[in-house]
């Protein structure tokens, strides 16, 4: 019985990680696509576009997380849940920039490789915090 429960929980965990990876990838495409469209076609300053596109990416991954990735929600008030979700994302963004800076400036790693490494680290930050704080 315990062995079955562990296997079942492991299977659910893997399913959630895969779905979160897909959701995060879709959100990244929304973020980057919106950045490109707002900057190149609408003519908005790239920094303002980056902030707006980040918001669209957060909304996308939040929607997919509550509808497709996680089946249980720990916080009953949706605006509190969304606020914590965004806070985790903003901390993840700050960590991303920090790791890119450290790896590029002090480890002499090319900034694109630094970005990939930072994205992997922040992916785990976002997934585990959202899973265990918001969707236990």
Protein backbone atom coordinates (compact mmCIF):
# COMPACT_ATOMS: atom_id res chain seq x y z
CA UNK A 1 0.00 0.00 0.00
CA UNK A 2 2.76 2.48 0.94
CA UNK A 3 4.81 1.42 -2.09
CA UNK A 4 1.81 2.03 -4.39
CA UNK A 5 1.22 5.44 -2.81
CA UNK A 6 4.86 6.45 -3.30
CA UNK A 7 4.79 5.27 -6.92
CA UNK A 8 1.51 7.11 -7.49
CA UNK A 9 2.89 10.32 -5.93
CA UNK A 10 6.09 10.00 -7.98
CA UNK A 11 4.04 9.57 -11.15
CA UNK A 12 1.94 12.64 -10.32
CA UNK A 13 5.09 14.63 -9.53
CA UNK A 14 6.68 13.72 -12.89
CA UNK A 15 3.42 14.53 -14.71
CA UNK A 16 3.30 17.93 -13.00
CA UNK A 17 6.93 18.67 -13.87
CA UNK A 18 6.34 17.80 -17.53
CA UNK A 19 3.16 19.86 -17.70
CA UNK A 20 4.83 22.76 -15.88
CA UNK A 21 7.71 22.59 -18.37
CA UNK A 22 5.29 22.77 -21.28
CA UNK A 23 3.36 25.59 -19.61
CA UNK A 24 6.55 27.50 -18.87
CA UNK A 25 7.69 27.07 -22.46
CA UNK A 26 4.37 28.40 -23.77
CA UNK A 27 4.54 31.31 -21.33
CA UNK A 28 8.09 32.07 -22.47
CA UNK A 29 6.88 32.13 -26.08
CA UNK A 30 4.08 34.52 -25.11
CA UNK A 31 6.59 36.69 -23.21
CA UNK A 32 9.14 36.81 -26.02
CA UNK A 33 6.50 37.14 -28.74
CA UNK A 34 4.79 40.01 -26.95
CA UNK A 35 8.16 41.69 -26.37
CA UNK A 36 8.92 41.48 -30.09
CA UNK A 37 5.47 42.66 -31.21
CA UNK A 38 5.20 45.51 -28.69
CA UNK A 39 8.71 46.76 -29.41
CA UNK A 40 9.09 46.21 -33.15
CA UNK A 41 5.55 46.66 -34.44
CA UNK A 42 3.77 48.81 -31.86
CA UNK A 43 6.84 50.97 -31.19
CA UNK A 44 6.85 50.79 -27.41
CA UNK A 45 10.20 51.25 -25.63
CA UNK A 46 11.83 47.84 -25.11
CA UNK A 47 11.95 48.21 -21.31
CA UNK A 48 8.24 48.96 -21.08
CA UNK A 49 7.57 46.17 -23.57
CA UNK A 50 9.66 43.80 -21.44
CA UNK A 51 7.62 44.61 -18.33
CA UNK A 52 4.31 44.19 -20.19
CA UNK A 53 5.41 40.97 -21.86
CA UNK A 54 6.62 39.58 -18.52
CA UNK A 55 3.11 40.22 -17.13
CA UNK A 56 1.54 38.37 -20.07
CA UNK A 57 3.92 35.46 -19.49
CA UNK A 58 3.02 35.30 -15.78
CA UNK A 59 -0.70 35.34 -16.58
CA UNK A 60 -0.21 32.56 -19.12
CA UNK A 61 1.73 30.26 -16.79
CA UNK A 62 -0.68 30.99 -13.92
CA UNK A 63 -3.72 30.10 -16.02
CA UNK A 64 -2.11 26.89 -17.29
CA UNK A 65 -0.93 26.00 -13.77
CA UNK A 66 -4.39 26.22 -12.24
CA UNK A 67 -6.18 24.62 -15.19
CA UNK A 68 -3.77 21.92 -16.34
CA UNK A 69 -0.66 21.42 -14.18
CA UNK A 70 -1.79 21.30 -10.54
CA UNK A 71 -5.05 19.73 -9.39
CA UNK A 72 -5.07 21.05 -5.81
CA UNK A 73 -4.98 24.66 -4.63
CA UNK A 74 -3.82 25.54 -1.11
CA UNK A 75 -5.07 29.14 -0.96
CA UNK A 76 -8.80 29.75 -1.29
CA UNK A 77 -8.70 33.45 -2.23
CA UNK A 78 -7.68 33.65 -5.88
CA UNK A 79 -6.23 37.17 -5.67
CA UNK A 80 -3.97 36.09 -2.77
CA UNK A 81 -2.95 33.00 -4.71
CA UNK A 82 -2.18 35.06 -7.81
CA UNK A 83 -0.22 37.60 -5.75
CA UNK A 84 1.97 34.87 -4.26
CA UNK A 85 2.32 33.28 -7.71
CA UNK A 86 3.56 36.60 -9.11
CA UNK A 87 5.86 37.18 -6.12
CA UNK A 88 7.51 33.80 -6.70
CA UNK A 89 7.90 34.76 -10.38
CA UNK A 90 9.41 38.16 -9.60
CA UNK A 91 11.87 36.57 -7.17
CA UNK A 92 12.65 34.08 -9.92
CA UNK A 93 13.27 36.94 -12.33
CA UNK A 94 15.64 38.60 -9.85
CA UNK A 95 17.46 35.28 -9.34
CA UNK A 96 17.71 34.86 -13.10
CA UNK A 97 19.36 38.26 -13.54
CA UNK A 98 21.63 37.62 -10.54
CA UNK A 99 22.85 34.25 -11.85
CA UNK A 100 23.42 35.62 -15.34
CA UNK A 101 25.49 38.45 -13.85
CA UNK A 102 27.53 36.15 -11.58
CA UNK A 103 28.18 33.55 -14.26
CA UNK A 104 29.04 36.08 -16.96
CA UNK A 105 31.09 38.56 -14.93
CA UNK A 106 32.87 36.31 -12.47
CA UNK A 107 32.93 32.88 -14.10
CA UNK A 108 33.60 34.32 -17.60
CA UNK A 109 30.79 32.28 -19.15
CA UNK A 110 29.18 33.64 -22.32
CA UNK A 111 25.97 35.47 -21.44
CA UNK A 112 23.75 33.13 -23.50
CA UNK A 113 25.14 30.07 -21.72
CA UNK A 114 24.71 31.95 -18.42
CA UNK A 115 21.08 32.60 -19.38
CA UNK A 116 20.47 28.90 -20.05
CA UNK A 117 22.03 27.89 -16.71
CA UNK A 118 20.08 30.62 -14.89
CA UNK A 119 16.83 29.52 -16.56
CA UNK A 120 17.36 25.94 -15.39
CA UNK A 121 18.00 27.05 -11.80
CA UNK A 122 15.03 29.41 -11.79
CA UNK A 123 12.77 26.77 -13.36
CA UNK A 124 13.31 24.61 -10.28
CA UNK A 125 12.84 27.63 -7.97
CA UNK A 126 9.51 28.46 -9.61
CA UNK A 127 8.23 24.88 -9.84
CA UNK A 128 9.03 23.79 -6.29
CA UNK A 129 7.85 27.00 -4.65
CA UNK A 130 4.62 27.07 -6.60
CA UNK A 131 4.00 23.38 -6.06
CA UNK A 132 4.69 23.36 -2.32
CA UNK A 133 3.39 26.80 -1.38
CA UNK A 134 0.39 27.21 -3.66
CA UNK A 135 -0.60 23.79 -4.99
CA UNK A 136 0.15 21.28 -2.21
